[in-house]
Amino acid sequence: MLDARSKEVLKLIDSYCKEGSYQVIELEEITSSLPPKYKMDKEIILQILKHLSSADYISIKYRDDKVICVCPLPFGRQFIEAEEERKKNTKKMKNYAKGAFISALISALIGAFLGTLIYNIIF
């Protein structure tokens, strides 16, 4: 399982390497492209890249202090696609839950109203 920072770096690498081939990316460009809430510097990014490489999410051809030649592996691409699918499903389920709640609330109100009406007519 990946943490939020690793997911963001993997998504960024996948966005740069759409053809599935190796791309040379500057580390400064990666740092500036990531959301500032993660507060990552070059050292953290290099650690994340090393972790992603050892877990077979990406392949690193070479790297130095300023650039890295990287390519996402099929496992990494599948992870990103599965993550996007999970987000879509979560959103759908929230919408279904809201609809079910509203339907149940309206049904309960109608049932209480009819029950009260019938009770008042009979007694």
PDB file of N, CA and C in Angstrom:
ATOM      1  N   MET A   1       0.836  -1.173   0.000  1.00  0.00           N
ATOM      2  CA  MET A   1       0.000   0.000   0.000  1.00  0.00           C
ATOM      3  C   MET A   1       0.887   1.245   0.000  1.00  0.00           C
ATOM      4  N   LEU A   2       0.465   2.236  -0.704  1.00  0.00           N
ATOM      5  CA  LEU A   2       1.243   3.467  -0.815  1.00  0.00           C
ATOM      6  C   LEU A   2       0.622   4.570   0.028  1.00  0.00           C
ATOM      7  N   ASP A   3       1.477   5.446   0.540  1.00  0.00           N
ATOM      8  CA  ASP A   3       0.967   6.605   1.254  1.00  0.00           C
ATOM      9  C   ASP A   3       0.588   7.686   0.241  1.00  0.00           C
ATOM     10  N   ALA A   4       0.017   8.783   0.730  1.00  0.00           N
ATOM     11  CA  ALA A   4      -0.483   9.837  -0.155  1.00  0.00           C
ATOM     12  C   ALA A   4       0.631  10.469  -0.988  1.00  0.00           C
ATOM     13  N   ARG A   5       1.788  10.664  -0.389  1.00  0.00           N
ATOM     14  CA  ARG A   5       2.904  11.272  -1.129  1.00  0.00           C
ATOM     15  C   ARG A   5       3.353  10.368  -2.272  1.00  0.00           C
ATOM     16  N   SER A   6       3.485   9.085  -1.990  1.00  0.00           N
ATOM     17  CA  SER A   6       3.931   8.145  -3.022  1.00  0.00           C
ATOM     18  C   SER A   6       2.913   8.056  -4.154  1.00  0.00           C
ATOM     19  N   LYS A   7       1.636   8.070  -3.814  1.00  0.00           N
ATOM     20  CA  LYS A   7       0.598   8.045  -4.845  1.00  0.00           C
ATOM     21  C   LYS A   7       0.694   9.256  -5.759  1.00  0.00           C
ATOM     22  N   GLU A   8       0.920  10.425  -5.167  1.00  0.00           N
ATOM     23  CA  GLU A   8       1.028  11.643  -5.968  1.00  0.00           C
ATOM     24  C   GLU A   8       2.237  11.594  -6.897  1.00  0.00           C
ATOM     25  N   VAL A   9       3.363  11.116  -6.398  1.00  0.00           N
ATOM     26  CA  VAL A   9       4.564  11.010  -7.234  1.00  0.00           C
ATOM     27  C   VAL A   9       4.323  10.005  -8.361  1.00  0.00           C
ATOM     28  N   LEU A  10       3.696   8.872  -8.048  1.00  0.00           N
ATOM     29  CA  LEU A  10       3.409   7.868  -9.070  1.00  0.00           C
ATOM     30  C   LEU A  10       2.454   8.419 -10.126  1.00  0.00           C
ATOM     31  N   LYS A  11       1.433   9.142  -9.713  1.00  0.00           N
ATOM     32  CA  LYS A  11       0.498   9.756 -10.670  1.00  0.00           C
ATOM     33  C   LYS A  11       1.217  10.757 -11.564  1.00  0.00           C
ATOM     34  N   LEU A  12       2.106  11.536 -10.972  1.00  0.00           N
ATOM     35  CA  LEU A  12       2.854  12.530 -11.741  1.00  0.00           C
ATOM     36  C   LEU A  12       3.753  11.859 -12.773  1.00  0.00           C
ATOM     37  N   ILE A  13       4.442  10.806 -12.369  1.00  0.00           N
ATOM     38  CA  ILE A  13       5.304  10.073 -13.305  1.00  0.00           C
ATOM     39  C   ILE A  13       4.467   9.475 -14.429  1.00  0.00           C
ATOM     40  N   ASP A  14       3.310   8.915 -14.086  1.00  0.00           N
ATOM     41  CA  ASP A  14       2.438   8.349 -15.109  1.00  0.00           C
ATOM     42  C   ASP A  14       1.947   9.422 -16.074  1.00  0.00           C
ATOM     43  N   SER A  15       1.672  10.617 -15.574  1.00  0.00           N
ATOM     44  CA  SER A  15       1.211  11.685 -16.458  1.00  0.00           C
ATOM     45  C   SER A  15       2.313  12.143 -17.424  1.00  0.00           C
ATOM     46  N   TYR A  16       3.570  12.080 -16.998  1.00  0.00           N
ATOM     47  CA  TYR A  16       4.678  12.440 -17.881  1.00  0.00           C
ATOM     48  C   TYR A  16       4.967  11.351 -18.910  1.00  0.00           C
ATOM     49  N   CYS A  17       4.723  10.106 -18.566  1.00  0.00           N
ATOM     50  CA  CYS A  17       5.089   8.979 -19.424  1.00  0.00           C
ATOM     51  C   CYS A  17       3.847   8.327 -20.008  1.00  0.00           C
ATOM     52  N   LYS A  18       3.065   9.058 -20.747  1.00  0.00           N
ATOM     53  CA  LYS A  18       1.811   8.527 -21.295  1.00  0.00           C
ATOM     54  C   LYS A  18       2.035   7.435 -22.337  1.00  0.00           C
ATOM     55  N   GLU A  19       3.123   7.494 -23.062  1.00  0.00           N
ATOM     56  CA  GLU A  19       3.362   6.483 -24.097  1.00  0.00           C
ATOM     57  C   GLU A  19       3.895   5.189 -23.515  1.00  0.00           C
ATOM     58  N   GLY A  20       4.230   5.171 -22.239  1.00  0.00           N
ATOM     59  CA  GLY A  20       4.779   3.977 -21.619  1.00  0.00           C
ATOM     60  C   GLY A  20       6.274   3.837 -21.812  1.00  0.00           C
ATOM     61  N   SER A  21       6.904   4.883 -22.306  1.00  0.00           N
ATOM     62  CA  SER A  21       8.352   4.825 -22.520  1.00  0.00           C
ATOM     63  C   SER A  21       9.060   5.640 -21.434  1.00  0.00           C
ATOM     64  N   TYR A  22      10.366   5.522 -21.408  1.00  0.00           N
ATOM     65  CA  TYR A  22      11.150   6.252 -20.425  1.00  0.00           C
ATOM     66  C   TYR A  22      11.129   7.744 -20.739  1.00  0.00           C
ATOM     67  N   GLN A  23      11.064   8.545 -19.699  1.00  0.00           N
ATOM     68  CA  GLN A  23      11.096   9.988 -19.839  1.00  0.00           C
ATOM     69  C   GLN A  23      12.145  10.539 -18.889  1.00  0.00           C
ATOM     70  N   VAL A  24      12.835  11.557 -19.343  1.00  0.00           N
ATOM     71  CA  VAL A  24      13.791  12.256 -18.495  1.00  0.00           C
ATOM     72  C   VAL A  24      13.049  13.429 -17.855  1.00  0.00           C
ATOM     73  N   ILE A  25      13.010  13.419 -16.523  1.00  0.00           N
ATOM     74  CA  ILE A  25      12.271  14.436 -15.779  1.00  0.00           C
ATOM     75  C   ILE A  25      13.219  15.085 -14.785  1.00  0.00           C
ATOM     76  N   GLU A  26      13.152  16.398 -14.711  1.00  0.00           N
ATOM     77  CA  GLU A  26      13.969  17.110 -13.738  1.00  0.00           C
ATOM     78  C   GLU A  26      13.332  16.982 -12.359  1.00  0.00           C
ATOM     79  N   LEU A  27      14.149  16.767 -11.347  1.00  0.00           N
ATOM     80  CA  LEU A  27      13.642  16.636  -9.980  1.00  0.00           C
ATOM     81  C   LEU A  27      12.982  17.926  -9.513  1.00  0.00           C
ATOM     82  N   GLU A  28      13.491  19.047  -9.967  1.00  0.00           N
ATOM     83  CA  GLU A  28      12.896  20.337  -9.613  1.00  0.00           C
ATOM     84  C   GLU A  28      11.486  20.454 -10.199  1.00  0.00           C
ATOM     85  N   GLU A  29      11.289  19.909 -11.384  1.00  0.00           N
ATOM     86  CA  GLU A  29       9.971  19.927 -12.010  1.00  0.00           C
ATOM     87  C   GLU A  29       8.986  19.055 -11.228  1.00  0.00           C
ATOM     88  N   ILE A  30       9.454  17.920 -10.750  1.00  0.00           N
ATOM     89  CA  ILE A  30       8.602  17.054  -9.915  1.00  0.00           C
ATOM     90  C   ILE A  30       8.229  17.779  -8.637  1.00  0.00           C
ATOM     91  N   THR A  31       9.210  18.412  -8.007  1.00  0.00           N
ATOM     92  CA  THR A  31       8.969  19.135  -6.752  1.00  0.00           C
ATOM     93  C   THR A  31       7.955  20.253  -6.943  1.00  0.00           C
ATOM     94  N   SER A  32       8.078  20.996  -8.031  1.00  0.00           N
ATOM     95  CA  SER A  32       7.174  22.125  -8.251  1.00  0.00           C
ATOM     96  C   SER A  32       5.788  21.683  -8.718  1.00  0.00           C
ATOM     97  N   SER A  33       5.673  20.495  -9.304  1.00  0.00           N
ATOM     98  CA  SER A  33       4.382  20.021  -9.807  1.00  0.00           C
ATOM     99  C   SER A  33       3.511  19.399  -8.720  1.00  0.00           C
ATOM    100  N   LEU A  34       4.109  18.983  -7.619  1.00  0.00           N
ATOM    101  CA  LEU A  34       3.347  18.341  -6.548  1.00  0.00           C
ATOM    102  C   LEU A  34       2.638  19.383  -5.697  1.00  0.00           C
ATOM    103  N   PRO A  35       1.494  19.022  -5.108  1.00  0.00           N
ATOM    104  CA  PRO A  35       0.785  19.977  -4.250  1.00  0.00           C
ATOM    105  C   PRO A  35       1.653  20.430  -3.073  1.00  0.00           C
ATOM    106  N   PRO A  36       1.596  21.700  -2.736  1.00  0.00           N
ATOM    107  CA  PRO A  36       2.456  22.211  -1.662  1.00  0.00           C
ATOM    108  C   PRO A  36       2.105  21.666  -0.279  1.00  0.00           C
ATOM    109  N   LYS A  37       0.929  21.078  -0.120  1.00  0.00           N
ATOM    110  CA  LYS A  37       0.550  20.568   1.203  1.00  0.00           C
ATOM    111  C   LYS A  37       1.428  19.396   1.646  1.00  0.00           C
ATOM    112  N   TYR A  38       2.080  18.714   0.694  1.00  0.00           N
ATOM    113  CA  TYR A  38       2.939  17.584   1.051  1.00  0.00           C
ATOM    114  C   TYR A  38       4.338  18.008   1.482  1.00  0.00           C
ATOM    115  N   LYS A  39       4.749  19.216   1.129  1.00  0.00           N
ATOM    116  CA  LYS A  39       6.042  19.784   1.545  1.00  0.00           C
ATOM    117  C   LYS A  39       7.195  18.809   1.296  1.00  0.00           C
ATOM    118  N   MET A  40       7.404  18.495   0.035  1.00  0.00           N
ATOM    119  CA  MET A  40       8.472  17.557  -0.317  1.00  0.00           C
ATOM    120  C   MET A  40       9.649  18.294  -0.942  1.00  0.00           C
ATOM    121  N   ASP A  41      10.823  17.838  -0.587  1.00  0.00           N
ATOM    122  CA  ASP A  41      12.033  18.345  -1.212  1.00  0.00           C
ATOM    123  C   ASP A  41      12.672  17.223  -2.027  1.00  0.00           C
ATOM    124  N   LYS A  42      13.844  17.494  -2.593  1.00  0.00           N
ATOM    125  CA  LYS A  42      14.492  16.509  -3.462  1.00  0.00           C
ATOM    126  C   LYS A  42      14.813  15.213  -2.736  1.00  0.00           C
ATOM    127  N   GLU A  43      15.252  15.317  -1.498  1.00  0.00           N
ATOM    128  CA  GLU A  43      15.629  14.114  -0.750  1.00  0.00           C
ATOM    129  C   GLU A  43      14.426  13.195  -0.528  1.00  0.00           C
ATOM    130  N   ILE A  44      13.310  13.770  -0.163  1.00  0.00           N
ATOM    131  CA  ILE A  44      12.104  12.967   0.057  1.00  0.00           C
ATOM    132  C   ILE A  44      11.645  12.338  -1.253  1.00  0.00           C
ATOM    133  N   ILE A  45      11.696  13.118  -2.329  1.00  0.00           N
ATOM    134  CA  ILE A  45      11.292  12.584  -3.630  1.00  0.00           C
ATOM    135  C   ILE A  45      12.206  11.441  -4.051  1.00  0.00           C
ATOM    136  N   LEU A  46      13.512  11.578  -3.822  1.00  0.00           N
ATOM    137  CA  LEU A  46      14.436  10.496  -4.171  1.00  0.00           C
ATOM    138  C   LEU A  46      14.148   9.236  -3.345  1.00  0.00           C
ATOM    139  N   GLN A  47      13.805   9.398  -2.078  1.00  0.00           N
ATOM    140  CA  GLN A  47      13.442   8.247  -1.247  1.00  0.00           C
ATOM    141  C   GLN A  47      12.171   7.584  -1.758  1.00  0.00           C
ATOM    142  N   ILE A  48      11.181   8.406  -2.125  1.00  0.00           N
ATOM    143  CA  ILE A  48       9.921   7.861  -2.654  1.00  0.00           C
ATOM    144  C   ILE A  48      10.178   7.133  -3.965  1.00  0.00           C
ATOM    145  N   LEU A  49      10.996   7.712  -4.841  1.00  0.00           N
ATOM    146  CA  LEU A  49      11.313   7.063  -6.113  1.00  0.00           C
ATOM    147  C   LEU A  49      12.027   5.731  -5.884  1.00  0.00           C
ATOM    148  N   LYS A  50      12.914   5.698  -4.908  1.00  0.00           N
ATOM    149  CA  LYS A  50      13.621   4.460  -4.586  1.00  0.00           C
ATOM    150  C   LYS A  50      12.628   3.401  -4.093  1.00  0.00           C
ATOM    151  N   HIS A  51      11.702   3.818  -3.241  1.00  0.00           N
ATOM    152  CA  HIS A  51      10.684   2.890  -2.737  1.00  0.00           C
ATOM    153  C   HIS A  51       9.784   2.386  -3.873  1.00  0.00           C
ATOM    154  N   LEU A  52       9.334   3.284  -4.735  1.00  0.00           N
ATOM    155  CA  LEU A  52       8.482   2.883  -5.864  1.00  0.00           C
ATOM    156  C   LEU A  52       9.213   1.927  -6.791  1.00  0.00           C
ATOM    157  N   SER A  53      10.499   2.149  -6.974  1.00  0.00           N
ATOM    158  CA  SER A  53      11.295   1.275  -7.827  1.00  0.00           C
ATOM    159  C   SER A  53      11.467  -0.105  -7.195  1.00  0.00           C
ATOM    160  N   SER A  54      11.723  -0.144  -5.905  1.00  0.00           N
ATOM    161  CA  SER A  54      11.916  -1.444  -5.238  1.00  0.00           C
ATOM    162  C   SER A  54      10.614  -2.236  -5.150  1.00  0.00           C
ATOM    163  N   ALA A  55       9.459  -1.543  -5.162  1.00  0.00           N
ATOM    164  CA  ALA A  55       8.155  -2.219  -5.107  1.00  0.00           C
ATOM    165  C   ALA A  55       7.611  -2.510  -6.504  1.00  0.00           C
ATOM    166  N   ASP A  56       8.395  -2.270  -7.549  1.00  0.00           N
ATOM    167  CA  ASP A  56       8.037  -2.535  -8.946  1.00  0.00           C
ATOM    168  C   ASP A  56       6.861  -1.706  -9.457  1.00  0.00           C
ATOM    169  N   TYR A  57       6.722  -0.489  -8.964  1.00  0.00           N
ATOM    170  CA  TYR A  57       5.735   0.436  -9.520  1.00  0.00           C
ATOM    171  C   TYR A  57       6.335   1.204 -10.688  1.00  0.00           C
ATOM    172  N   ILE A  58       7.641   1.500 -10.604  1.00  0.00           N
ATOM    173  CA  ILE A  58       8.340   2.244 -11.655  1.00  0.00           C
ATOM    174  C   ILE A  58       9.678   1.583 -11.935  1.00  0.00           C
ATOM    175  N   SER A  59      10.247   1.955 -13.070  1.00  0.00           N
ATOM    176  CA  SER A  59      11.592   1.513 -13.426  1.00  0.00           C
ATOM    177  C   SER A  59      12.455   2.757 -13.618  1.00  0.00           C
ATOM    178  N   ILE A  60      13.591   2.771 -12.959  1.00  0.00           N
ATOM    179  CA  ILE A  60      14.512   3.898 -13.071  1.00  0.00           C
ATOM    180  C   ILE A  60      15.711   3.451 -13.897  1.00  0.00           C
ATOM    181  N   LYS A  61      15.913   4.127 -15.027  1.00  0.00           N
ATOM    182  CA  LYS A  61      17.042   3.797 -15.892  1.00  0.00           C
ATOM    183  C   LYS A  61      18.322   4.433 -15.354  1.00  0.00           C
ATOM    184  N   TYR A  62      18.249   5.727 -15.030  1.00  0.00           N
ATOM    185  CA  TYR A  62      19.371   6.401 -14.387  1.00  0.00           C
ATOM    186  C   TYR A  62      18.850   7.618 -13.651  1.00  0.00           C
ATOM    187  N   ARG A  63      19.664   8.077 -12.720  1.00  0.00           N
ATOM    188  CA  ARG A  63      19.318   9.297 -11.995  1.00  0.00           C
ATOM    189  C   ARG A  63      20.590   9.969 -11.506  1.00  0.00           C
ATOM    190  N   ASP A  64      20.510  11.265 -11.368  1.00  0.00           N
ATOM    191  CA  ASP A  64      21.585  12.017 -10.738  1.00  0.00           C
ATOM    192  C   ASP A  64      20.937  13.087  -9.854  1.00  0.00           C
ATOM    193  N   ASP A  65      21.677  14.115  -9.510  1.00  0.00           N
ATOM    194  CA  ASP A  65      21.157  15.113  -8.579  1.00  0.00           C
ATOM    195  C   ASP A  65      20.078  16.004  -9.179  1.00  0.00           C
ATOM    196  N   LYS A  66      20.026  16.085 -10.510  1.00  0.00           N
ATOM    197  CA  LYS A  66      19.085  17.020 -11.130  1.00  0.00           C
ATOM    198  C   LYS A  66      18.010  16.351 -11.976  1.00  0.00           C
ATOM    199  N   VAL A  67      18.301  15.226 -12.614  1.00  0.00           N
ATOM    200  CA  VAL A  67      17.332  14.579 -13.500  1.00  0.00           C
ATOM    201  C   VAL A  67      17.217  13.096 -13.171  1.00  0.00           C
ATOM    202  N   ILE A  68      16.116  12.541 -13.650  1.00  0.00           N
ATOM    203  CA  ILE A  68      15.887  11.106 -13.488  1.00  0.00           C
ATOM    204  C   ILE A  68      15.214  10.601 -14.755  1.00  0.00           C
ATOM    205  N   CYS A  69      15.623   9.430 -15.207  1.00  0.00           N
ATOM    206  CA  CYS A  69      15.005   8.784 -16.358  1.00  0.00           C
ATOM    207  C   CYS A  69      14.150   7.646 -15.802  1.00  0.00           C
ATOM    208  N   VAL A  70      12.847   7.768 -15.968  1.00  0.00           N
ATOM    209  CA  VAL A  70      11.924   6.876 -15.284  1.00  0.00           C
ATOM    210  C   VAL A  70      10.782   6.466 -16.205  1.00  0.00           C
ATOM    211  N   CYS A  71      10.202   5.302 -15.898  1.00  0.00           N
ATOM    212  CA  CYS A  71       9.067   4.787 -16.651  1.00  0.00           C
ATOM    213  C   CYS A  71       8.158   4.022 -15.680  1.00  0.00           C
ATOM    214  N   PRO A  72       6.845   4.257 -15.725  1.00  0.00           N
ATOM    215  CA  PRO A  72       5.960   3.465 -14.863  1.00  0.00           C
ATOM    216  C   PRO A  72       5.810   2.049 -15.416  1.00  0.00           C
ATOM    217  N   LEU A  73       5.842   1.077 -14.538  1.00  0.00           N
ATOM    218  CA  LEU A  73       5.663  -0.317 -14.931  1.00  0.00           C
ATOM    219  C   LEU A  73       4.174  -0.656 -14.960  1.00  0.00           C
ATOM    220  N   PRO A  74       3.803  -1.783 -15.578  1.00  0.00           N
ATOM    221  CA  PRO A  74       2.378  -2.145 -15.642  1.00  0.00           C
ATOM    222  C   PRO A  74       1.703  -2.208 -14.268  1.00  0.00           C
ATOM    223  N   PHE A  75       2.416  -2.681 -13.251  1.00  0.00           N
ATOM    224  CA  PHE A  75       1.841  -2.743 -11.908  1.00  0.00           C
ATOM    225  C   PHE A  75       1.494  -1.346 -11.397  1.00  0.00           C
ATOM    226  N   GLY A  76       2.355  -0.368 -11.693  1.00  0.00           N
ATOM    227  CA  GLY A  76       2.100   1.016 -11.293  1.00  0.00           C
ATOM    228  C   GLY A  76       0.918   1.614 -12.026  1.00  0.00           C
ATOM    229  N   ARG A  77       0.827   1.327 -13.324  1.00  0.00           N
ATOM    230  CA  ARG A  77      -0.315   1.830 -14.104  1.00  0.00           C
ATOM    231  C   ARG A  77      -1.619   1.206 -13.627  1.00  0.00           C
ATOM    232  N   GLN A  78      -1.596  -0.081 -13.322  1.00  0.00           N
ATOM    233  CA  GLN A  78      -2.796  -0.743 -12.805  1.00  0.00           C
ATOM    234  C   GLN A  78      -3.202  -0.156 -11.467  1.00  0.00           C
ATOM    235  N   PHE A  79      -2.237   0.164 -10.634  1.00  0.00           N
ATOM    236  CA  PHE A  79      -2.542   0.753  -9.337  1.00  0.00           C
ATOM    237  C   PHE A  79      -3.254   2.092  -9.514  1.00  0.00           C
ATOM    238  N   ILE A  80      -2.772   2.915 -10.425  1.00  0.00           N
ATOM    239  CA  ILE A  80      -3.375   4.230 -10.667  1.00  0.00           C
ATOM    240  C   ILE A  80      -4.789   4.071 -11.213  1.00  0.00           C
ATOM    241  N   GLU A  81      -4.968   3.164 -12.165  1.00  0.00           N
ATOM    242  CA  GLU A  81      -6.301   2.938 -12.724  1.00  0.00           C
ATOM    243  C   GLU A  81      -7.264   2.418 -11.660  1.00  0.00           C
ATOM    244  N   ALA A  82      -6.801   1.518 -10.813  1.00  0.00           N
ATOM    245  CA  ALA A  82      -7.649   0.984  -9.744  1.00  0.00           C
ATOM    246  C   ALA A  82      -8.008   2.083  -8.739  1.00  0.00           C
ATOM    247  N   GLU A  83      -7.078   2.963  -8.473  1.00  0.00           N
ATOM    248  CA  GLU A  83      -7.328   4.077  -7.541  1.00  0.00           C
ATOM    249  C   GLU A  83      -8.392   5.013  -8.102  1.00  0.00           C
ATOM    250  N   GLU A  84      -8.315   5.327  -9.391  1.00  0.00           N
ATOM    251  CA  GLU A  84      -9.317   6.181 -10.023  1.00  0.00           C
ATOM    252  C   GLU A  84     -10.686   5.508 -10.013  1.00  0.00           C
ATOM    253  N   GLU A  85     -10.713   4.201 -10.274  1.00  0.00           N
ATOM    254  CA  GLU A  85     -11.971   3.451 -10.261  1.00  0.00           C
ATOM    255  C   GLU A  85     -12.578   3.439  -8.851  1.00  0.00           C
ATOM    256  N   ARG A  86     -11.734   3.287  -7.833  1.00  0.00           N
ATOM    257  CA  ARG A  86     -12.219   3.312  -6.448  1.00  0.00           C
ATOM    258  C   ARG A  86     -12.849   4.655  -6.113  1.00  0.00           C
ATOM    259  N   LYS A  87     -12.235   5.730  -6.578  1.00  0.00           N
ATOM    260  CA  LYS A  87     -12.787   7.061  -6.316  1.00  0.00           C
ATOM    261  C   LYS A  87     -14.150   7.223  -6.983  1.00  0.00           C
ATOM    262  N   LYS A  88     -14.282   6.747  -8.224  1.00  0.00           N
ATOM    263  CA  LYS A  88     -15.565   6.830  -8.922  1.00  0.00           C
ATOM    264  C   LYS A  88     -16.627   6.017  -8.189  1.00  0.00           C
ATOM    265  N   ASN A  89     -16.276   4.806  -7.770  1.00  0.00           N
ATOM    266  CA  ASN A  89     -17.229   3.949  -7.074  1.00  0.00           C
ATOM    267  C   ASN A  89     -17.639   4.542  -5.732  1.00  0.00           C
ATOM    268  N   THR A  90     -16.711   5.158  -5.037  1.00  0.00           N
ATOM    269  CA  THR A  90     -17.023   5.786  -3.758  1.00  0.00           C
ATOM    270  C   THR A  90     -18.017   6.923  -3.954  1.00  0.00           C
ATOM    271  N   LYS A  91     -17.811   7.707  -4.996  1.00  0.00           N
ATOM    272  CA  LYS A  91     -18.719   8.817  -5.274  1.00  0.00           C
ATOM    273  C   LYS A  91     -20.112   8.295  -5.623  1.00  0.00           C
ATOM    274  N   LYS A  92     -20.177   7.233  -6.432  1.00  0.00           N
ATOM    275  CA  LYS A  92     -21.472   6.644  -6.778  1.00  0.00           C
ATOM    276  C   LYS A  92     -22.182   6.113  -5.541  1.00  0.00           C
ATOM    277  N   MET A  93     -21.440   5.440  -4.685  1.00  0.00           N
ATOM    278  CA  MET A  93     -22.045   4.869  -3.482  1.00  0.00           C
ATOM    279  C   MET A  93     -22.566   5.963  -2.549  1.00  0.00           C
ATOM    280  N   LYS A  94     -21.878   7.070  -2.468  1.00  0.00           N
ATOM    281  CA  LYS A  94     -22.366   8.184  -1.648  1.00  0.00           C
ATOM    282  C   LYS A  94     -23.670   8.725  -2.210  1.00  0.00           C
ATOM    283  N   ASN A  95     -23.748   8.841  -3.529  1.00  0.00           N
ATOM    284  CA  ASN A  95     -24.985   9.318  -4.151  1.00  0.00           C
ATOM    285  C   ASN A  95     -26.131   8.333  -3.916  1.00  0.00           C
ATOM    286  N   TYR A  96     -25.868   7.032  -4.034  1.00  0.00           N
ATOM    287  CA  TYR A  96     -26.898   6.029  -3.772  1.00  0.00           C
ATOM    288  C   TYR A  96     -27.354   6.081  -2.323  1.00  0.00           C
ATOM    289  N   ALA A  97     -26.416   6.258  -1.401  1.00  0.00           N
ATOM    290  CA  ALA A  97     -26.763   6.318   0.019  1.00  0.00           C
ATOM    291  C   ALA A  97     -27.632   7.539   0.323  1.00  0.00           C
ATOM    292  N   LYS A  98     -27.306   8.664  -0.294  1.00  0.00           N
ATOM    293  CA  LYS A  98     -28.127   9.865  -0.101  1.00  0.00           C
ATOM    294  C   LYS A  98     -29.538   9.635  -0.628  1.00  0.00           C
ATOM    295  N   GLY A  99     -29.654   9.035  -1.798  1.00  0.00           N
ATOM    296  CA  GLY A  99     -30.972   8.761  -2.380  1.00  0.00           C
ATOM    297  C   GLY A  99     -31.776   7.796  -1.525  1.00  0.00           C
ATOM    298  N   ALA A 100     -31.130   6.761  -1.006  1.00  0.00           N
ATOM    299  CA  ALA A 100     -31.819   5.791  -0.154  1.00  0.00           C
ATOM    300  C   ALA A 100     -32.279   6.447   1.139  1.00  0.00           C
ATOM    301  N   PHE A 101     -31.451   7.302   1.709  1.00  0.00           N
ATOM    302  CA  PHE A 101     -31.832   7.985   2.942  1.00  0.00           C
ATOM    303  C   PHE A 101     -33.036   8.899   2.715  1.00  0.00           C
ATOM    304  N   ILE A 102     -32.999   9.673   1.649  1.00  0.00           N
ATOM    305  CA  ILE A 102     -34.109  10.587   1.355  1.00  0.00           C
ATOM    306  C   ILE A 102     -35.384   9.799   1.076  1.00  0.00           C
ATOM    307  N   SER A 103     -35.276   8.709   0.322  1.00  0.00           N
ATOM    308  CA  SER A 103     -36.453   7.868   0.040  1.00  0.00           C
ATOM    309  C   SER A 103     -37.020   7.281   1.325  1.00  0.00           C
ATOM    310  N   ALA A 104     -36.168   6.798   2.200  1.00  0.00           N
ATOM    311  CA  ALA A 104     -36.634   6.219   3.463  1.00  0.00           C
ATOM    312  C   ALA A 104     -37.282   7.282   4.339  1.00  0.00           C
ATOM    313  N   LEU A 105     -36.726   8.475   4.368  1.00  0.00           N
ATOM    314  CA  LEU A 105     -37.291   9.557   5.170  1.00  0.00           C
ATOM    315  C   LEU A 105     -38.672   9.955   4.661  1.00  0.00           C
ATOM    316  N   ILE A 106     -38.777  10.118   3.362  1.00  0.00           N
ATOM    317  CA  ILE A 106     -40.078  10.491   2.774  1.00  0.00           C
ATOM    318  C   ILE A 106     -41.102   9.383   2.998  1.00  0.00           C
ATOM    319  N   SER A 107     -40.700   8.139   2.815  1.00  0.00           N
ATOM    320  CA  SER A 107     -41.611   7.006   3.038  1.00  0.00           C
ATOM    321  C   SER A 107     -42.074   6.948   4.486  1.00  0.00           C
ATOM    322  N   ALA A 108     -41.191   7.202   5.422  1.00  0.00           N
ATOM    323  CA  ALA A 108     -41.557   7.195   6.837  1.00  0.00           C
ATOM    324  C   ALA A 108     -42.541   8.313   7.155  1.00  0.00           C
ATOM    325  N   LEU A 109     -42.318   9.492   6.588  1.00  0.00           N
ATOM    326  CA  LEU A 109     -43.231  10.610   6.819  1.00  0.00           C
ATOM    327  C   LEU A 109     -44.619  10.318   6.235  1.00  0.00           C
ATOM    328  N   ILE A 110     -44.658   9.764   5.040  1.00  0.00           N
ATOM    329  CA  ILE A 110     -45.943   9.418   4.414  1.00  0.00           C
ATOM    330  C   ILE A 110     -46.648   8.339   5.231  1.00  0.00           C
ATOM    331  N   GLY A 111     -45.900   7.342   5.677  1.00  0.00           N
ATOM    332  CA  GLY A 111     -46.492   6.283   6.494  1.00  0.00           C
ATOM    333  C   GLY A 111     -47.039   6.809   7.806  1.00  0.00           C
ATOM    334  N   ALA A 112     -46.315   7.705   8.462  1.00  0.00           N
ATOM    335  CA  ALA A 112     -46.797   8.287   9.717  1.00  0.00           C
ATOM    336  C   ALA A 112     -48.041   9.132   9.481  1.00  0.00           C
ATOM    337  N   PHE A 113     -48.040   9.885   8.398  1.00  0.00           N
ATOM    338  CA  PHE A 113     -49.213  10.706   8.077  1.00  0.00           C
ATOM    339  C   PHE A 113     -50.435   9.841   7.814  1.00  0.00           C
ATOM    340  N   LEU A 114     -50.280   8.792   6.991  1.00  0.00           N
ATOM    341  CA  LEU A 114     -51.409   7.898   6.687  1.00  0.00           C
ATOM    342  C   LEU A 114     -51.873   7.154   7.930  1.00  0.00           C
ATOM    343  N   GLY A 115     -50.941   6.719   8.763  1.00  0.00           N
ATOM    344  CA  GLY A 115     -51.314   6.040  10.001  1.00  0.00           C
ATOM    345  C   GLY A 115     -52.121   6.944  10.912  1.00  0.00           C
ATOM    346  N   THR A 116     -51.700   8.181  11.047  1.00  0.00           N
ATOM    347  CA  THR A 116     -52.428   9.145  11.876  1.00  0.00           C
ATOM    348  C   THR A 116     -53.803   9.432  11.285  1.00  0.00           C
ATOM    349  N   LEU A 117     -53.874   9.576   9.978  1.00  0.00           N
ATOM    350  CA  LEU A 117     -55.143   9.848   9.303  1.00  0.00           C
ATOM    351  C   LEU A 117     -56.119   8.683   9.497  1.00  0.00           C
ATOM    352  N   ILE A 118     -55.665   7.487   9.306  1.00  0.00           N
ATOM    353  CA  ILE A 118     -56.525   6.294   9.484  1.00  0.00           C
ATOM    354  C   ILE A 118     -56.968   6.188  10.940  1.00  0.00           C
ATOM    355  N   TYR A 119     -56.085   6.400  11.870  1.00  0.00           N
ATOM    356  CA  TYR A 119     -56.421   6.322  13.284  1.00  0.00           C
ATOM    357  C   TYR A 119     -57.488   7.331  13.643  1.00  0.00           C
ATOM    358  N   ASN A 120     -57.357   8.577  13.123  1.00  0.00           N
ATOM    359  CA  ASN A 120     -58.319   9.614  13.421  1.00  0.00           C
ATOM    360  C   ASN A 120     -59.669   9.340  12.761  1.00  0.00           C
ATOM    361  N   ILE A 121     -59.693   8.693  11.615  1.00  0.00           N
ATOM    362  CA  ILE A 121     -60.956   8.358  10.960  1.00  0.00           C
ATOM    363  C   ILE A 121     -61.674   7.234  11.711  1.00  0.00           C
ATOM    364  N   ILE A 122     -60.962   6.234  12.165  1.00  0.00           N
ATOM    365  CA  ILE A 122     -61.574   5.093  12.841  1.00  0.00           C
ATOM    366  C   ILE A 122     -61.978   5.449  14.255  1.00  0.00           C
ATOM    367  N   PHE A 123     -61.201   6.152  14.995  1.00  0.00           N
ATOM    368  CA  PHE A 123     -61.522   6.457  16.410  1.00  0.00           C
ATOM    369  C   PHE A 123     -61.912   7.877  16.525  1.00  0.00           C
TER     370      PHE A 123
END
